[in-house]
Amino acid sequence: MKNELTKDQQEELLKVLQIRFEKNSHRHQNLEWNKIEQRLLASPQKLWSLDEMERTEGEPDVIGYDKKTDEYLFVDCSPESPKGRRSICYDHEALEKRKENKPNDSAVNMAQEMGIDLLNEEEYRTLQTIEKFDSKTSSWIKTPSEIRKLGGAVFCDFRYNTVFLYHNGADSYYAARGFRGMLKV
């Protein structure tokens, strides 16, 4: 079935996620893997989305728990923007606008197909307080509609011990720019 993993694929993914969870306890203090695993097993669609994050080299890991919504927060924790999601423009509108040298896809479209959300600026900055990411790459983030209406899009990176927010035309794309996603489980 589409967007669903086989039993073997689920077991393999859960092993990978558990090993990463245990190796990086600083990202999710006071959370228990058993509870997270139970939640994942009850959500085959979410497991498929996590597998997509893993397949595109995002190295998803739990970075928190939202008490209000009772959800665990999985975010791409690869040191640099996920390799399998680079050289893409911001959204479908920007992709359609390009006449020459079109990238293969857009960040918004890929995230939607994967069943995840692009990080917004606040989420990106929070992620950087846990660990430092994107010191050589950059990541598209959810762009405010006022900026997008004018043809722009925003991205972030980490340089000089600081998180920087930048802008570009939404149709631009670079080999060192991808996007980070979040999945709530």
Protein backbone atom coordinates (compact mmCIF):
# COMPACT_ATOMS: atom_id res chain seq x y z
CA MET A 1 0.00 0.00 0.00
CA LYS A 2 1.21 3.52 -0.78
CA ASN A 3 2.53 5.58 2.15
CA GLU A 4 2.77 2.57 4.41
CA LEU A 5 5.79 0.51 5.43
CA THR A 6 5.97 -3.27 5.59
CA LYS A 7 6.44 -4.88 9.00
CA ASP A 8 10.16 -5.41 8.24
CA GLN A 9 10.59 -1.80 7.12
CA GLN A 10 8.87 -0.59 10.30
CA GLU A 11 11.15 -2.70 12.49
CA GLU A 12 14.27 -1.48 10.66
CA LEU A 13 13.23 2.17 10.92
CA LEU A 14 12.35 1.84 14.61
CA LYS A 15 15.81 0.37 15.29
CA VAL A 16 17.50 3.30 13.54
CA LEU A 17 15.34 5.84 15.39
CA GLN A 18 15.91 4.18 18.77
CA ILE A 19 19.69 4.11 18.31
CA ARG A 20 19.68 7.81 17.34
CA PHE A 21 17.36 8.61 20.28
CA GLU A 22 19.68 6.86 22.75
CA LYS A 23 22.87 8.42 21.32
CA ASN A 24 21.45 11.96 21.47
CA SER A 25 19.71 12.16 24.84
CA HIS A 26 20.58 15.89 25.08
CA ARG A 27 17.91 16.54 22.45
CA HIS A 28 15.05 15.06 24.47
CA GLN A 29 15.74 14.88 28.18
CA ASN A 30 13.10 13.18 30.32
CA LEU A 31 11.40 11.46 27.38
CA GLU A 32 11.07 7.69 27.16
CA TRP A 33 11.60 5.74 23.95
CA ASN A 34 8.98 3.09 24.86
CA LYS A 35 6.17 5.66 24.88
CA ILE A 36 7.34 7.18 21.61
CA GLU A 37 7.63 3.76 19.97
CA GLN A 38 4.07 2.86 21.05
CA ARG A 39 2.80 6.10 19.55
CA LEU A 40 4.67 5.42 16.31
CA LEU A 41 3.36 1.85 16.01
CA ALA A 42 -0.17 3.22 16.34
CA SER A 43 0.48 5.67 13.47
CA PRO A 44 1.61 3.83 10.29
CA GLN A 45 1.30 7.03 8.21
CA LYS A 46 3.65 8.87 10.60
CA LEU A 47 6.15 6.01 10.39
CA TRP A 48 6.07 6.33 6.60
CA SER A 49 6.74 10.09 6.89
CA LEU A 50 9.67 9.44 9.24
CA ASP A 51 11.01 6.91 6.76
CA GLU A 52 10.85 9.58 4.05
CA MET A 53 12.76 11.95 6.33
CA GLU A 54 15.35 9.22 6.87
CA ARG A 55 15.50 8.26 3.16
CA THR A 56 16.30 11.87 2.21
CA GLU A 57 19.08 11.94 4.85
CA GLY A 58 17.33 14.17 7.39
CA GLU A 59 18.26 11.97 10.38
CA PRO A 60 14.98 12.66 12.23
CA ASP A 61 15.05 12.65 16.01
CA VAL A 62 12.76 13.70 18.84
CA ILE A 63 13.50 17.23 20.07
CA GLY A 64 10.59 17.70 22.43
CA TYR A 65 7.09 16.98 23.58
CA ASP A 66 4.17 19.40 23.27
CA LYS A 67 2.05 19.02 26.42
CA LYS A 68 -0.82 21.06 24.97
CA THR A 69 -1.29 18.81 21.95
CA ASP A 70 0.14 15.61 23.50
CA GLU A 71 2.57 15.19 20.58
CA TYR A 72 6.23 14.26 20.25
CA LEU A 73 8.20 16.52 17.92
CA PHE A 74 10.47 14.85 15.37
CA VAL A 75 12.78 17.19 13.44
CA ASP A 76 15.55 16.66 10.90
CA CYS A 77 18.77 16.60 12.93
CA SER A 78 21.32 16.00 10.16
CA PRO A 79 24.31 18.30 10.74
CA GLU A 80 23.69 20.02 7.40
CA SER A 81 20.50 20.53 5.41
CA PRO A 82 19.33 17.05 4.28
CA LYS A 83 21.23 15.98 1.15
CA GLY A 84 18.20 14.39 -0.46
CA ARG A 85 16.31 17.68 -0.32
CA ARG A 86 18.75 20.19 -1.77
CA SER A 87 18.82 22.14 -5.05
CA ILE A 88 15.12 22.92 -4.83
CA CYS A 89 13.23 26.19 -5.03
CA TYR A 90 10.74 27.29 -2.38
CA ASP A 91 7.28 26.28 -3.68
CA HIS A 92 5.32 25.04 -6.70
CA GLU A 93 4.47 28.55 -7.89
CA ALA A 94 8.18 29.42 -7.98
CA LEU A 95 8.97 26.14 -9.76
CA GLU A 96 6.36 26.88 -12.45
CA LYS A 97 7.70 30.42 -12.86
CA ARG A 98 11.17 29.25 -13.85
CA LYS A 99 11.54 29.05 -17.61
CA GLU A 100 15.06 27.59 -17.76
CA ASN A 101 17.14 25.33 -15.53
CA LYS A 102 14.21 24.26 -13.40
CA PRO A 103 15.04 22.36 -10.23
CA ASN A 104 13.42 18.95 -9.82
CA ASP A 105 11.08 20.01 -7.04
CA SER A 106 10.25 22.57 -4.36
CA ALA A 107 10.58 22.53 -0.57
CA VAL A 108 6.86 23.07 0.05
CA ASN A 109 5.86 20.32 -2.38
CA MET A 110 8.38 17.82 -1.02
CA ALA A 111 7.32 18.48 2.56
CA GLN A 112 3.67 18.05 1.64
CA GLU A 113 4.36 14.79 -0.20
CA MET A 114 6.36 13.53 2.79
CA GLY A 115 3.60 14.48 5.24
CA ILE A 116 5.80 16.88 7.22
CA ASP A 117 5.90 20.64 7.83
CA LEU A 118 8.68 23.08 7.00
CA LEU A 119 10.13 24.63 10.14
CA ASN A 120 9.16 28.23 10.76
CA GLU A 121 11.67 30.79 12.02
CA GLU A 122 10.87 30.22 15.70
CA GLU A 123 11.15 26.43 15.35
CA TYR A 124 14.44 26.78 13.46
CA ARG A 125 15.87 29.04 16.16
CA THR A 126 14.68 26.63 18.88
CA LEU A 127 16.39 23.75 17.07
CA GLN A 128 19.65 25.71 17.08
CA THR A 129 19.50 26.00 20.90
CA ILE A 130 19.62 22.20 21.16
CA GLU A 131 22.56 21.73 18.82
CA LYS A 132 24.21 23.70 16.00
CA PHE A 133 23.04 22.88 12.45
CA ASP A 134 23.61 24.26 8.94
CA SER A 135 27.11 25.67 9.45
CA LYS A 136 27.91 24.99 5.75
CA THR A 137 24.42 24.82 4.24
CA SER A 138 21.13 26.66 4.58
CA SER A 139 17.49 25.61 4.91
CA TRP A 140 14.32 27.11 3.48
CA ILE A 141 11.82 27.89 6.25
CA LYS A 142 8.10 28.64 6.19
CA THR A 143 7.85 32.05 4.56
CA PRO A 144 5.37 34.68 5.77
CA SER A 145 2.65 35.26 3.15
CA GLU A 146 3.46 38.99 2.87
CA ILE A 147 6.99 38.14 1.68
CA ARG A 148 5.84 35.31 -0.56
CA LYS A 149 3.22 37.53 -2.29
CA LEU A 150 6.09 39.79 -3.37
CA GLY A 151 8.04 36.89 -4.90
CA GLY A 152 10.42 36.25 -2.04
CA ALA A 153 11.11 33.39 0.34
CA VAL A 154 13.25 33.09 3.47
CA PHE A 155 15.90 30.68 4.66
CA CYS A 156 18.20 30.33 7.66
CA ASP A 157 21.66 29.08 8.51
CA PHE A 158 24.13 29.15 11.38
CA ARG A 159 27.32 31.18 10.99
CA TYR A 160 29.57 33.09 13.42
CA ASN A 161 27.77 31.52 16.37
CA THR A 162 24.53 33.18 15.19
CA VAL A 163 21.33 32.10 13.42
CA PHE A 164 20.85 34.22 10.33
CA LEU A 165 17.57 34.78 8.47
CA TYR A 166 17.95 35.72 4.80
CA HIS A 167 15.76 36.26 1.76
CA ASN A 168 15.94 35.18 -1.86
CA GLY A 169 13.63 34.96 -4.83
CA ALA A 170 11.40 31.95 -4.22
CA ASP A 171 12.47 30.49 -7.57
CA SER A 172 16.17 30.42 -6.64
CA TYR A 173 17.89 27.17 -5.74
CA TYR A 174 21.37 26.17 -4.63
CA ALA A 175 23.28 22.94 -4.12
CA ALA A 176 23.78 23.83 -0.45
CA ARG A 177 20.16 24.76 0.33
CA GLY A 178 17.43 22.32 1.27
CA PHE A 179 14.88 22.32 4.06
CA ARG A 180 14.32 20.84 7.50
CA GLY A 181 10.98 19.40 8.45
CA MET A 182 8.94 18.62 11.54
CA LEU A 183 6.59 15.74 12.18
CA LYS A 184 4.28 15.73 15.19
CA VAL A 185 3.40 12.28 16.51
